[in-house]
Amino acid sequence: MRNKILIYSAMILLMFCVVLPVAAENAGSLINPQMVENAAKDANITPAQMEQIMSFWFSNEKEIVQLRANIEMMSIDLENAVQSNKPNPKTITSIIQKMGDERTKLDIQTAKFAMKVFEVLTPDQLKVFRKIMMKNDISQCPAGSCPTQR
């Protein structure tokens, strides 16, 4: 029974050490400053709106950096827990759950940022802005990984 637990723990570790750091690295802001500046011209975003959006972006980035750092630190803790002489399944599970919680916070932070940006724009601006952002997001997705490419 103990061997099964260790095998499952090692499998979970492998999955989270490979998948989660890559996902966390790619998560975060939906919009980067250069994309916003380019989209602003086509969507007729005013300088005042642009200032608000950039203010949101900078405060969002601070949160994103902190969440990514937390996930990275937990990844190190997880590696240490698994490689110890007597891996404790409860400790390993706890760390993985905490990493998942941080990843969820990262997704929520990203969604909150997008909603703030959408509140600043008029309905017409939002239509154009979404179209531009969708085009940019798709071009950054690996082939077949974006929902609109399926």
N, C-alpha and C. Protein backbone atom coordinates (compact mmCIF):
# COMPACT_ATOMS: atom_id res chain seq x y z
N MET A 1 0.83 -1.20 0.00
CA MET A 1 0.00 0.00 0.00
C MET A 1 0.87 1.26 0.00
N ARG A 2 1.91 1.24 0.84
CA ARG A 2 2.81 2.40 0.92
C ARG A 2 3.50 2.65 -0.42
N ASN A 3 3.87 1.56 -1.11
CA ASN A 3 4.51 1.71 -2.41
C ASN A 3 3.57 2.35 -3.42
N LYS A 4 2.28 1.99 -3.37
CA LYS A 4 1.31 2.58 -4.28
C LYS A 4 1.19 4.09 -4.04
N ILE A 5 1.17 4.45 -2.77
CA ILE A 5 1.08 5.87 -2.43
C ILE A 5 2.29 6.62 -2.96
N LEU A 6 3.47 6.05 -2.78
CA LEU A 6 4.69 6.71 -3.27
C LEU A 6 4.69 6.80 -4.79
N ILE A 7 4.21 5.77 -5.46
CA ILE A 7 4.15 5.79 -6.92
C ILE A 7 3.19 6.87 -7.39
N TYR A 8 1.99 6.92 -6.77
CA TYR A 8 1.02 7.95 -7.14
C TYR A 8 1.55 9.34 -6.84
N SER A 9 2.22 9.48 -5.72
CA SER A 9 2.80 10.78 -5.36
C SER A 9 3.85 11.21 -6.39
N ALA A 10 4.66 10.25 -6.80
CA ALA A 10 5.69 10.57 -7.79
C ALA A 10 5.05 10.95 -9.13
N MET A 11 3.96 10.26 -9.50
CA MET A 11 3.27 10.59 -10.74
C MET A 11 2.67 11.99 -10.67
N ILE A 12 2.07 12.31 -9.54
CA ILE A 12 1.49 13.64 -9.36
C ILE A 12 2.58 14.69 -9.40
N LEU A 13 3.68 14.41 -8.74
CA LEU A 13 4.80 15.35 -8.75
C LEU A 13 5.27 15.61 -10.16
N LEU A 14 5.45 14.57 -10.92
CA LEU A 14 5.92 14.73 -12.29
C LEU A 14 4.95 15.58 -13.10
N MET A 15 3.66 15.30 -12.94
CA MET A 15 2.66 16.05 -13.68
C MET A 15 2.71 17.53 -13.28
N PHE A 16 2.78 17.81 -11.99
CA PHE A 16 2.76 19.19 -11.55
C PHE A 16 4.08 19.91 -11.77
N CYS A 17 5.17 19.20 -11.73
CA CYS A 17 6.45 19.86 -11.96
C CYS A 17 6.66 20.21 -13.43
N VAL A 18 6.00 19.48 -14.32
CA VAL A 18 6.12 19.76 -15.75
C VAL A 18 4.99 20.67 -16.22
N VAL A 19 3.75 20.32 -15.91
CA VAL A 19 2.59 21.03 -16.45
C VAL A 19 2.35 22.36 -15.75
N LEU A 20 2.32 22.39 -14.44
CA LEU A 20 1.96 23.60 -13.72
C LEU A 20 2.93 24.76 -13.95
N PRO A 21 4.24 24.55 -13.86
CA PRO A 21 5.12 25.70 -14.12
C PRO A 21 4.96 26.29 -15.52
N VAL A 22 4.73 25.44 -16.52
CA VAL A 22 4.53 25.94 -17.88
C VAL A 22 3.23 26.73 -17.95
N ALA A 23 2.17 26.20 -17.36
CA ALA A 23 0.88 26.89 -17.37
C ALA A 23 0.98 28.20 -16.60
N ALA A 24 1.64 28.19 -15.47
CA ALA A 24 1.77 29.42 -14.66
C ALA A 24 2.59 30.47 -15.39
N GLU A 25 3.61 30.03 -16.10
CA GLU A 25 4.44 30.97 -16.84
C GLU A 25 3.65 31.65 -17.95
N ASN A 26 2.73 30.90 -18.56
CA ASN A 26 1.95 31.44 -19.67
C ASN A 26 0.68 32.14 -19.21
N ALA A 27 0.33 31.98 -17.95
CA ALA A 27 -0.88 32.63 -17.45
C ALA A 27 -0.57 34.07 -17.10
N GLY A 28 -1.58 34.80 -16.79
CA GLY A 28 -1.40 36.18 -16.39
C GLY A 28 -2.21 37.10 -17.23
N SER A 29 -1.68 38.26 -17.47
CA SER A 29 -2.43 39.27 -18.20
C SER A 29 -2.87 38.77 -19.56
N LEU A 30 -4.12 39.06 -19.89
CA LEU A 30 -4.60 38.78 -21.23
C LEU A 30 -4.07 39.80 -22.20
N ILE A 31 -3.65 40.93 -21.68
CA ILE A 31 -3.32 42.08 -22.51
C ILE A 31 -1.95 42.62 -22.07
N ASN A 32 -1.05 42.82 -23.00
CA ASN A 32 0.19 43.48 -22.65
C ASN A 32 0.15 44.92 -23.17
N PRO A 33 0.99 45.78 -22.64
CA PRO A 33 0.91 47.20 -23.01
C PRO A 33 1.01 47.47 -24.50
N GLN A 34 1.87 46.75 -25.19
CA GLN A 34 2.04 47.00 -26.62
C GLN A 34 0.77 46.63 -27.39
N MET A 35 0.14 45.52 -27.00
CA MET A 35 -1.11 45.12 -27.65
C MET A 35 -2.20 46.17 -27.42
N VAL A 36 -2.24 46.71 -26.20
CA VAL A 36 -3.25 47.73 -25.88
C VAL A 36 -3.02 48.97 -26.72
N GLU A 37 -1.78 49.40 -26.81
CA GLU A 37 -1.48 50.60 -27.60
C GLU A 37 -1.85 50.41 -29.07
N ASN A 38 -1.56 49.24 -29.60
CA ASN A 38 -1.91 48.96 -31.00
C ASN A 38 -3.42 48.90 -31.19
N ALA A 39 -4.11 48.25 -30.26
CA ALA A 39 -5.56 48.12 -30.35
C ALA A 39 -6.26 49.45 -30.11
N ALA A 40 -5.65 50.32 -29.31
CA ALA A 40 -6.26 51.60 -28.97
C ALA A 40 -6.53 52.45 -30.20
N LYS A 41 -5.63 52.40 -31.15
CA LYS A 41 -5.79 53.19 -32.37
C LYS A 41 -7.02 52.72 -33.16
N ASP A 42 -7.13 51.42 -33.37
CA ASP A 42 -8.24 50.88 -34.15
C ASP A 42 -9.58 50.97 -33.42
N ALA A 43 -9.57 50.91 -32.10
CA ALA A 43 -10.81 50.93 -31.32
C ALA A 43 -11.20 52.34 -30.89
N ASN A 44 -10.43 53.34 -31.29
CA ASN A 44 -10.69 54.74 -30.90
C ASN A 44 -10.75 54.92 -29.39
N ILE A 45 -9.80 54.32 -28.71
CA ILE A 45 -9.71 54.45 -27.25
C ILE A 45 -9.10 55.81 -26.94
N THR A 46 -9.74 56.54 -26.05
CA THR A 46 -9.28 57.89 -25.72
C THR A 46 -8.05 57.82 -24.83
N PRO A 47 -7.29 58.92 -24.76
CA PRO A 47 -6.13 58.95 -23.85
C PRO A 47 -6.53 58.69 -22.39
N ALA A 48 -7.69 59.21 -21.96
CA ALA A 48 -8.14 58.98 -20.58
C ALA A 48 -8.43 57.50 -20.34
N GLN A 49 -9.07 56.86 -21.31
CA GLN A 49 -9.34 55.42 -21.19
C GLN A 49 -8.04 54.63 -21.18
N MET A 50 -7.12 55.04 -22.03
CA MET A 50 -5.83 54.38 -22.11
C MET A 50 -5.08 54.48 -20.79
N GLU A 51 -5.15 55.64 -20.17
CA GLU A 51 -4.50 55.84 -18.88
C GLU A 51 -5.09 54.90 -17.82
N GLN A 52 -6.41 54.77 -17.82
CA GLN A 52 -7.06 53.87 -16.87
C GLN A 52 -6.64 52.42 -17.12
N ILE A 53 -6.66 52.02 -18.37
CA ILE A 53 -6.29 50.64 -18.71
C ILE A 53 -4.86 50.34 -18.29
N MET A 54 -3.95 51.26 -18.57
CA MET A 54 -2.55 51.04 -18.20
C MET A 54 -2.37 51.00 -16.68
N SER A 55 -3.14 51.80 -15.97
CA SER A 55 -3.10 51.77 -14.51
C SER A 55 -3.54 50.39 -14.01
N PHE A 56 -4.62 49.87 -14.60
CA PHE A 56 -5.08 48.52 -14.25
C PHE A 56 -4.00 47.49 -14.56
N TRP A 57 -3.37 47.65 -15.72
CA TRP A 57 -2.38 46.68 -16.15
C TRP A 57 -1.20 46.61 -15.18
N PHE A 58 -0.68 47.78 -14.78
CA PHE A 58 0.47 47.78 -13.88
C PHE A 58 0.14 47.18 -12.52
N SER A 59 -1.02 47.51 -11.96
CA SER A 59 -1.38 46.91 -10.66
C SER A 59 -1.64 45.42 -10.82
N ASN A 60 -2.21 45.01 -11.95
CA ASN A 60 -2.44 43.59 -12.20
C ASN A 60 -1.11 42.84 -12.30
N GLU A 61 -0.16 43.41 -12.99
CA GLU A 61 1.14 42.75 -13.15
C GLU A 61 1.81 42.50 -11.81
N LYS A 62 1.68 43.42 -10.87
CA LYS A 62 2.26 43.21 -9.54
C LYS A 62 1.66 41.98 -8.88
N GLU A 63 0.35 41.82 -9.00
CA GLU A 63 -0.33 40.65 -8.44
C GLU A 63 0.11 39.37 -9.14
N ILE A 64 0.20 39.43 -10.46
CA ILE A 64 0.58 38.26 -11.25
C ILE A 64 1.99 37.80 -10.88
N VAL A 65 2.91 38.73 -10.75
CA VAL A 65 4.29 38.39 -10.40
C VAL A 65 4.34 37.70 -9.04
N GLN A 66 3.58 38.22 -8.08
CA GLN A 66 3.56 37.63 -6.74
C GLN A 66 2.98 36.21 -6.78
N LEU A 67 1.90 36.02 -7.51
CA LEU A 67 1.29 34.70 -7.60
C LEU A 67 2.21 33.70 -8.29
N ARG A 68 2.86 34.13 -9.35
CA ARG A 68 3.82 33.25 -10.03
C ARG A 68 4.98 32.88 -9.10
N ALA A 69 5.45 33.83 -8.33
CA ALA A 69 6.53 33.56 -7.38
C ALA A 69 6.08 32.55 -6.33
N ASN A 70 4.86 32.70 -5.84
CA ASN A 70 4.33 31.75 -4.86
C ASN A 70 4.29 30.33 -5.44
N ILE A 71 3.83 30.22 -6.67
CA ILE A 71 3.75 28.91 -7.32
C ILE A 71 5.15 28.32 -7.49
N GLU A 72 6.10 29.14 -7.87
CA GLU A 72 7.48 28.67 -8.05
C GLU A 72 8.08 28.19 -6.72
N MET A 73 7.83 28.94 -5.66
CA MET A 73 8.34 28.55 -4.33
C MET A 73 7.72 27.22 -3.90
N MET A 74 6.43 27.07 -4.14
CA MET A 74 5.76 25.82 -3.77
C MET A 74 6.28 24.66 -4.60
N SER A 75 6.63 24.92 -5.84
CA SER A 75 7.20 23.88 -6.69
C SER A 75 8.52 23.38 -6.11
N ILE A 76 9.30 24.30 -5.59
CA ILE A 76 10.57 23.92 -4.94
C ILE A 76 10.30 23.11 -3.68
N ASP A 77 9.31 23.54 -2.89
CA ASP A 77 8.93 22.80 -1.68
C ASP A 77 8.46 21.39 -2.03
N LEU A 78 7.69 21.29 -3.12
CA LEU A 78 7.18 19.99 -3.55
C LEU A 78 8.33 19.08 -3.96
N GLU A 79 9.25 19.60 -4.71
CA GLU A 79 10.41 18.80 -5.13
C GLU A 79 11.18 18.31 -3.91
N ASN A 80 11.37 19.18 -2.94
CA ASN A 80 12.07 18.82 -1.72
C ASN A 80 11.31 17.73 -0.95
N ALA A 81 9.99 17.85 -0.86
CA ALA A 81 9.18 16.88 -0.13
C ALA A 81 9.23 15.50 -0.78
N VAL A 82 9.20 15.47 -2.10
CA VAL A 82 9.22 14.19 -2.81
C VAL A 82 10.58 13.54 -2.75
N GLN A 83 11.64 14.32 -2.76
CA GLN A 83 12.99 13.76 -2.78
C GLN A 83 13.53 13.46 -1.39
N SER A 84 12.74 13.73 -0.35
CA SER A 84 13.23 13.42 1.01
C SER A 84 13.35 11.91 1.20
N ASN A 85 14.08 11.50 2.23
CA ASN A 85 14.28 10.08 2.49
C ASN A 85 12.98 9.34 2.75
N LYS A 86 12.04 10.01 3.41
CA LYS A 86 10.74 9.42 3.70
C LYS A 86 9.64 10.39 3.25
N PRO A 87 9.29 10.35 1.96
CA PRO A 87 8.26 11.27 1.48
C PRO A 87 6.94 11.07 2.23
N ASN A 88 6.36 12.17 2.65
CA ASN A 88 5.10 12.14 3.37
C ASN A 88 3.97 12.47 2.40
N PRO A 89 3.11 11.50 2.10
CA PRO A 89 2.03 11.75 1.13
C PRO A 89 1.12 12.92 1.53
N LYS A 90 0.87 13.09 2.81
CA LYS A 90 0.02 14.20 3.25
C LYS A 90 0.68 15.54 2.95
N THR A 91 1.96 15.64 3.17
CA THR A 91 2.69 16.87 2.88
C THR A 91 2.68 17.15 1.39
N ILE A 92 2.93 16.13 0.61
CA ILE A 92 2.97 16.28 -0.84
C ILE A 92 1.60 16.73 -1.36
N THR A 93 0.55 16.08 -0.88
CA THR A 93 -0.81 16.43 -1.30
C THR A 93 -1.14 17.86 -0.89
N SER A 94 -0.76 18.24 0.30
CA SER A 94 -1.02 19.60 0.79
C SER A 94 -0.35 20.65 -0.09
N ILE A 95 0.89 20.41 -0.44
CA ILE A 95 1.62 21.36 -1.29
C ILE A 95 0.95 21.47 -2.66
N ILE A 96 0.57 20.33 -3.22
CA ILE A 96 -0.09 20.33 -4.53
C ILE A 96 -1.41 21.09 -4.47
N GLN A 97 -2.16 20.89 -3.41
CA GLN A 97 -3.43 21.62 -3.26
C GLN A 97 -3.19 23.12 -3.14
N LYS A 98 -2.17 23.51 -2.40
CA LYS A 98 -1.85 24.93 -2.27
C LYS A 98 -1.42 25.52 -3.62
N MET A 99 -0.68 24.74 -4.39
CA MET A 99 -0.27 25.21 -5.72
C MET A 99 -1.50 25.41 -6.60
N GLY A 100 -2.44 24.49 -6.52
CA GLY A 100 -3.68 24.62 -7.28
C GLY A 100 -4.47 25.85 -6.86
N ASP A 101 -4.48 26.13 -5.56
CA ASP A 101 -5.17 27.33 -5.07
C ASP A 101 -4.54 28.60 -5.63
N GLU A 102 -3.22 28.63 -5.68
CA GLU A 102 -2.52 29.80 -6.22
C GLU A 102 -2.79 29.95 -7.72
N ARG A 103 -2.84 28.82 -8.43
CA ARG A 103 -3.13 28.85 -9.86
C ARG A 103 -4.55 29.40 -10.10
N THR A 104 -5.47 29.00 -9.24
CA THR A 104 -6.84 29.51 -9.34
C THR A 104 -6.86 31.01 -9.09
N LYS A 105 -6.11 31.47 -8.10
CA LYS A 105 -6.02 32.91 -7.82
C LYS A 105 -5.46 33.66 -9.04
N LEU A 106 -4.50 33.04 -9.71
CA LEU A 106 -3.90 33.64 -10.90
C LEU A 106 -4.96 33.79 -12.00
N ASP A 107 -5.76 32.77 -12.20
CA ASP A 107 -6.82 32.83 -13.21
C ASP A 107 -7.87 33.89 -12.84
N ILE A 108 -8.23 33.96 -11.57
CA ILE A 108 -9.21 34.94 -11.11
C ILE A 108 -8.68 36.35 -11.29
N GLN A 109 -7.41 36.57 -10.96
CA GLN A 109 -6.80 37.89 -11.11
C GLN A 109 -6.82 38.33 -12.56
N THR A 110 -6.54 37.40 -13.46
CA THR A 110 -6.54 37.70 -14.88
C THR A 110 -7.95 38.08 -15.34
N ALA A 111 -8.94 37.35 -14.87
CA ALA A 111 -10.33 37.64 -15.24
C ALA A 111 -10.77 39.00 -14.68
N LYS A 112 -10.38 39.31 -13.46
CA LYS A 112 -10.73 40.60 -12.86
C LYS A 112 -10.14 41.75 -13.68
N PHE A 113 -8.92 41.57 -14.11
CA PHE A 113 -8.26 42.59 -14.92
C PHE A 113 -9.03 42.82 -16.22
N ALA A 114 -9.38 41.73 -16.89
CA ALA A 114 -10.11 41.84 -18.15
C ALA A 114 -11.44 42.56 -17.93
N MET A 115 -12.12 42.24 -16.85
CA MET A 115 -13.42 42.88 -16.58
C MET A 115 -13.25 44.39 -16.33
N LYS A 116 -12.18 44.77 -15.65
CA LYS A 116 -11.92 46.20 -15.44
C LYS A 116 -11.70 46.92 -16.77
N VAL A 117 -10.95 46.29 -17.64
CA VAL A 117 -10.69 46.89 -18.95
C VAL A 117 -12.00 47.01 -19.73
N PHE A 118 -12.80 45.97 -19.71
CA PHE A 118 -14.07 45.99 -20.45
C PHE A 118 -15.02 47.06 -19.93
N GLU A 119 -14.98 47.35 -18.62
CA GLU A 119 -15.85 48.38 -18.04
C GLU A 119 -15.49 49.79 -18.53
N VAL A 120 -14.24 49.99 -18.89
CA VAL A 120 -13.76 51.31 -19.33
C VAL A 120 -14.20 51.61 -20.76
N LEU A 121 -14.40 50.58 -21.55
CA LEU A 121 -14.69 50.76 -22.97
C LEU A 121 -16.20 50.87 -23.24
N THR A 122 -16.52 51.60 -24.30
CA THR A 122 -17.90 51.67 -24.78
C THR A 122 -18.22 50.36 -25.50
N PRO A 123 -19.51 50.05 -25.73
CA PRO A 123 -19.84 48.81 -26.44
C PRO A 123 -19.18 48.70 -27.82
N ASP A 124 -19.13 49.81 -28.56
CA ASP A 124 -18.49 49.77 -29.88
C ASP A 124 -16.99 49.54 -29.77
N GLN A 125 -16.36 50.22 -28.81
CA GLN A 125 -14.92 50.03 -28.60
C GLN A 125 -14.64 48.59 -28.19
N LEU A 126 -15.50 48.07 -27.34
CA LEU A 126 -15.32 46.71 -26.84
C LEU A 126 -15.37 45.69 -27.98
N LYS A 127 -16.29 45.87 -28.91
CA LYS A 127 -16.38 44.97 -30.07
C LYS A 127 -15.07 44.94 -30.84
N VAL A 128 -14.57 46.12 -31.17
CA VAL A 128 -13.33 46.22 -31.94
C VAL A 128 -12.15 45.69 -31.13
N PHE A 129 -12.10 46.07 -29.86
CA PHE A 129 -11.01 45.67 -28.98
C PHE A 129 -10.96 44.14 -28.84
N ARG A 130 -12.11 43.52 -28.61
CA ARG A 130 -12.17 42.05 -28.47
C ARG A 130 -11.70 41.38 -29.75
N LYS A 131 -12.12 41.89 -30.88
CA LYS A 131 -11.73 41.31 -32.17
C LYS A 131 -10.21 41.36 -32.33
N ILE A 132 -9.62 42.49 -32.01
CA ILE A 132 -8.17 42.65 -32.11
C ILE A 132 -7.45 41.74 -31.13
N MET A 133 -7.94 41.71 -29.88
CA MET A 133 -7.28 40.90 -28.86
C MET A 133 -7.41 39.41 -29.19
N MET A 134 -8.56 38.99 -29.70
CA MET A 134 -8.74 37.59 -30.08
C MET A 134 -7.76 37.21 -31.18
N LYS A 135 -7.59 38.08 -32.14
CA LYS A 135 -6.64 37.83 -33.23
C LYS A 135 -5.23 37.68 -32.66
N ASN A 136 -4.85 38.55 -31.73
CA ASN A 136 -3.52 38.48 -31.13
C ASN A 136 -3.35 37.25 -30.26
N ASP A 137 -4.37 36.90 -29.48
CA ASP A 137 -4.28 35.72 -28.63
C ASP A 137 -4.13 34.45 -29.45
N ILE A 138 -4.89 34.35 -30.54
CA ILE A 138 -4.82 33.15 -31.37
C ILE A 138 -3.43 33.02 -31.98
N SER A 139 -2.84 34.11 -32.40
CA SER A 139 -1.53 34.03 -33.02
C SER A 139 -0.45 33.61 -32.03
N GLN A 140 -0.73 33.77 -30.72
CA GLN A 140 0.25 33.39 -29.70
C GLN A 140 0.03 31.98 -29.17
N CYS A 141 -1.08 31.32 -29.55
CA CYS A 141 -1.38 29.98 -29.07
C CYS A 141 -0.67 28.94 -29.94
N PRO A 142 -0.15 27.88 -29.30
CA PRO A 142 0.37 26.78 -30.12
C PRO A 142 -0.77 26.20 -30.96
N ALA A 143 -0.44 25.65 -32.08
CA ALA A 143 -1.46 25.13 -33.01
C ALA A 143 -2.45 24.22 -32.31
N GLY A 144 -3.72 24.56 -32.49
CA GLY A 144 -4.80 23.72 -31.94
C GLY A 144 -5.10 23.91 -30.47
N SER A 145 -4.39 24.78 -29.77
CA SER A 145 -4.59 24.88 -28.32
C SER A 145 -5.61 25.94 -27.93
N CYS A 146 -5.94 26.86 -28.82
CA CYS A 146 -6.93 27.87 -28.51
C CYS A 146 -8.32 27.35 -28.79
N PRO A 147 -9.29 27.74 -27.96
CA PRO A 147 -10.65 27.25 -28.15
C PRO A 147 -11.19 27.52 -29.56
N THR A 148 -10.85 28.64 -30.14
CA THR A 148 -11.39 29.00 -31.45
C THR A 148 -10.69 28.24 -32.58
N GLN A 149 -9.61 27.54 -32.27
CA GLN A 149 -8.91 26.77 -33.30
C GLN A 149 -9.39 25.32 -33.35
N ARG A 150 -10.27 24.93 -32.43
CA ARG A 150 -10.71 23.52 -32.36
C ARG A 150 -11.87 23.27 -33.27
